[in-house]
């Protein structure tokens, strides 16, 4: 799930970069890129995958 969110954030960042858009001073290309990288990191950690390495 986090991989799909990351892909969506990267697409939005690309569109914002190409169009030169920014939503206020908070949502910028850098913010969307950082949020996308966070989602990729969470995905690679296995968060939200439904399994845990600590289960016995």
N, C-alpha and C. Protein backbone atom coordinates (compact mmCIF):
# COMPACT_ATOMS: atom_id res chain seq x y z
N UNK A 1 0.83 -1.20 0.00
CA UNK A 1 0.00 0.00 0.00
C UNK A 1 0.87 1.26 0.00
N UNK A 2 1.93 1.22 0.80
CA UNK A 2 2.80 2.39 0.85
C UNK A 2 3.50 2.63 -0.49
N UNK A 3 3.75 1.57 -1.25
CA UNK A 3 4.38 1.72 -2.55
C UNK A 3 3.47 2.49 -3.51
N UNK A 4 2.17 2.20 -3.45
CA UNK A 4 1.22 2.92 -4.31
C UNK A 4 1.13 4.39 -3.91
N UNK A 5 1.12 4.66 -2.62
CA UNK A 5 1.09 6.04 -2.14
C UNK A 5 2.36 6.78 -2.57
N UNK A 6 3.49 6.10 -2.47
CA UNK A 6 4.75 6.71 -2.88
C UNK A 6 4.74 7.04 -4.37
N UNK A 7 4.25 6.10 -5.18
CA UNK A 7 4.17 6.35 -6.62
C UNK A 7 3.29 7.54 -6.92
N UNK A 8 2.16 7.63 -6.24
CA UNK A 8 1.26 8.77 -6.44
C UNK A 8 1.93 10.09 -6.05
N UNK A 9 2.64 10.08 -4.93
CA UNK A 9 3.33 11.30 -4.49
C UNK A 9 4.41 11.70 -5.48
N UNK A 10 5.14 10.73 -6.03
CA UNK A 10 6.18 11.04 -7.01
C UNK A 10 5.58 11.58 -8.30
N UNK A 11 4.43 11.04 -8.71
CA UNK A 11 3.77 11.56 -9.91
C UNK A 11 3.30 12.99 -9.68
N UNK A 12 2.73 13.25 -8.50
CA UNK A 12 2.31 14.63 -8.19
C UNK A 12 3.51 15.57 -8.16
N UNK A 13 4.61 15.12 -7.59
CA UNK A 13 5.82 15.96 -7.55
C UNK A 13 6.31 16.26 -8.96
N UNK A 14 6.26 15.25 -9.84
CA UNK A 14 6.69 15.47 -11.22
C UNK A 14 5.78 16.47 -11.93
N UNK A 15 4.48 16.32 -11.74
CA UNK A 15 3.53 17.26 -12.37
C UNK A 15 3.74 18.67 -11.84
N UNK A 16 3.92 18.79 -10.52
CA UNK A 16 4.16 20.11 -9.94
C UNK A 16 5.44 20.72 -10.47
N UNK A 17 6.49 19.90 -10.64
CA UNK A 17 7.77 20.39 -11.16
C UNK A 17 7.63 20.86 -12.60
N UNK A 18 6.97 20.05 -13.43
CA UNK A 18 6.81 20.40 -14.84
C UNK A 18 5.95 21.65 -15.01
N UNK A 19 4.87 21.75 -14.24
CA UNK A 19 3.95 22.88 -14.36
C UNK A 19 4.40 24.09 -13.57
N UNK A 20 5.37 23.92 -12.69
CA UNK A 20 5.83 25.04 -11.87
C UNK A 20 4.81 25.44 -10.81
N UNK A 21 4.10 24.46 -10.28
CA UNK A 21 3.06 24.73 -9.29
C UNK A 21 3.59 24.57 -7.87
N UNK A 22 2.88 25.19 -6.95
CA UNK A 22 3.11 25.00 -5.52
C UNK A 22 1.81 25.36 -4.81
N UNK A 23 1.45 24.59 -3.82
CA UNK A 23 0.24 24.86 -3.04
C UNK A 23 0.70 25.52 -1.75
N UNK A 24 0.71 26.82 -1.75
CA UNK A 24 1.19 27.56 -0.59
C UNK A 24 2.69 27.36 -0.41
N UNK A 25 3.15 27.52 0.81
CA UNK A 25 4.57 27.33 1.08
C UNK A 25 4.83 25.98 1.72
N UNK A 26 3.77 25.20 1.93
CA UNK A 26 3.93 23.91 2.62
C UNK A 26 4.06 22.77 1.62
N UNK A 27 3.16 22.68 0.67
CA UNK A 27 3.18 21.58 -0.30
C UNK A 27 3.97 22.03 -1.53
N UNK A 28 5.21 21.59 -1.59
CA UNK A 28 6.08 21.90 -2.72
C UNK A 28 6.59 20.59 -3.31
N UNK A 29 7.41 20.69 -4.35
CA UNK A 29 7.99 19.51 -4.96
C UNK A 29 8.87 18.77 -3.96
N UNK A 30 9.62 19.51 -3.17
CA UNK A 30 10.50 18.88 -2.19
C UNK A 30 9.70 18.16 -1.11
N UNK A 31 8.60 18.74 -0.68
CA UNK A 31 7.76 18.10 0.33
C UNK A 31 7.15 16.81 -0.21
N UNK A 32 6.65 16.82 -1.43
CA UNK A 32 6.07 15.63 -2.03
C UNK A 32 7.14 14.56 -2.24
N UNK A 33 8.33 14.96 -2.65
CA UNK A 33 9.42 14.00 -2.83
C UNK A 33 9.84 13.37 -1.52
N UNK A 34 9.93 14.17 -0.47
CA UNK A 34 10.29 13.64 0.85
C UNK A 34 9.21 12.70 1.37
N UNK A 35 7.96 13.05 1.20
CA UNK A 35 6.87 12.17 1.63
C UNK A 35 6.88 10.86 0.83
N UNK A 36 7.20 10.95 -0.45
CA UNK A 36 7.31 9.74 -1.27
C UNK A 36 8.44 8.84 -0.80
N UNK A 37 9.58 9.42 -0.47
CA UNK A 37 10.70 8.63 0.04
C UNK A 37 10.37 7.99 1.38
N UNK A 38 9.63 8.70 2.22
CA UNK A 38 9.20 8.13 3.50
C UNK A 38 8.31 6.93 3.26
N UNK A 39 7.38 7.03 2.32
CA UNK A 39 6.49 5.90 2.02
C UNK A 39 7.27 4.72 1.45
N UNK A 40 8.27 4.98 0.62
CA UNK A 40 9.11 3.90 0.10
C UNK A 40 9.86 3.22 1.23
N UNK A 41 10.40 4.00 2.15
CA UNK A 41 11.12 3.43 3.30
C UNK A 41 10.18 2.58 4.15
N UNK A 42 8.97 3.05 4.40
CA UNK A 42 8.01 2.27 5.18
C UNK A 42 7.64 0.98 4.45
N UNK A 43 7.50 1.07 3.14
CA UNK A 43 7.17 -0.12 2.35
C UNK A 43 8.30 -1.15 2.44
N UNK A 44 9.54 -0.69 2.32
CA UNK A 44 10.68 -1.60 2.39
C UNK A 44 10.86 -2.20 3.78
N UNK A 45 10.41 -1.49 4.81
CA UNK A 45 10.47 -2.02 6.17
C UNK A 45 9.39 -3.08 6.41
N UNK A 46 8.38 -3.12 5.56
CA UNK A 46 7.32 -4.10 5.71
C UNK A 46 6.13 -3.58 6.50
N UNK A 47 6.08 -2.28 6.76
CA UNK A 47 4.96 -1.70 7.50
C UNK A 47 3.71 -1.81 6.64
N UNK A 48 2.64 -2.33 7.22
CA UNK A 48 1.39 -2.46 6.52
C UNK A 48 1.28 -3.69 5.66
N UNK A 49 2.26 -4.58 5.73
CA UNK A 49 2.25 -5.77 4.89
C UNK A 49 1.46 -6.91 5.51
N UNK A 50 1.08 -6.77 6.77
CA UNK A 50 0.29 -7.80 7.42
C UNK A 50 1.11 -8.89 8.09
N UNK A 51 2.42 -8.72 8.16
CA UNK A 51 3.24 -9.70 8.84
C UNK A 51 4.21 -8.97 9.75
N UNK A 52 4.71 -9.67 10.71
CA UNK A 52 5.67 -9.10 11.63
C UNK A 52 6.75 -10.13 11.95
N UNK A 53 8.00 -9.75 11.89
CA UNK A 53 9.05 -10.72 12.20
C UNK A 53 9.09 -11.09 13.68
N UNK A 54 8.34 -10.36 14.54
CA UNK A 54 8.36 -10.61 15.96
C UNK A 54 7.26 -11.58 16.41
N UNK A 55 6.38 -12.00 15.50
CA UNK A 55 5.32 -12.95 15.87
C UNK A 55 5.93 -14.29 16.23
N UNK A 56 5.33 -14.93 17.24
CA UNK A 56 5.82 -16.25 17.65
C UNK A 56 4.80 -17.32 17.40
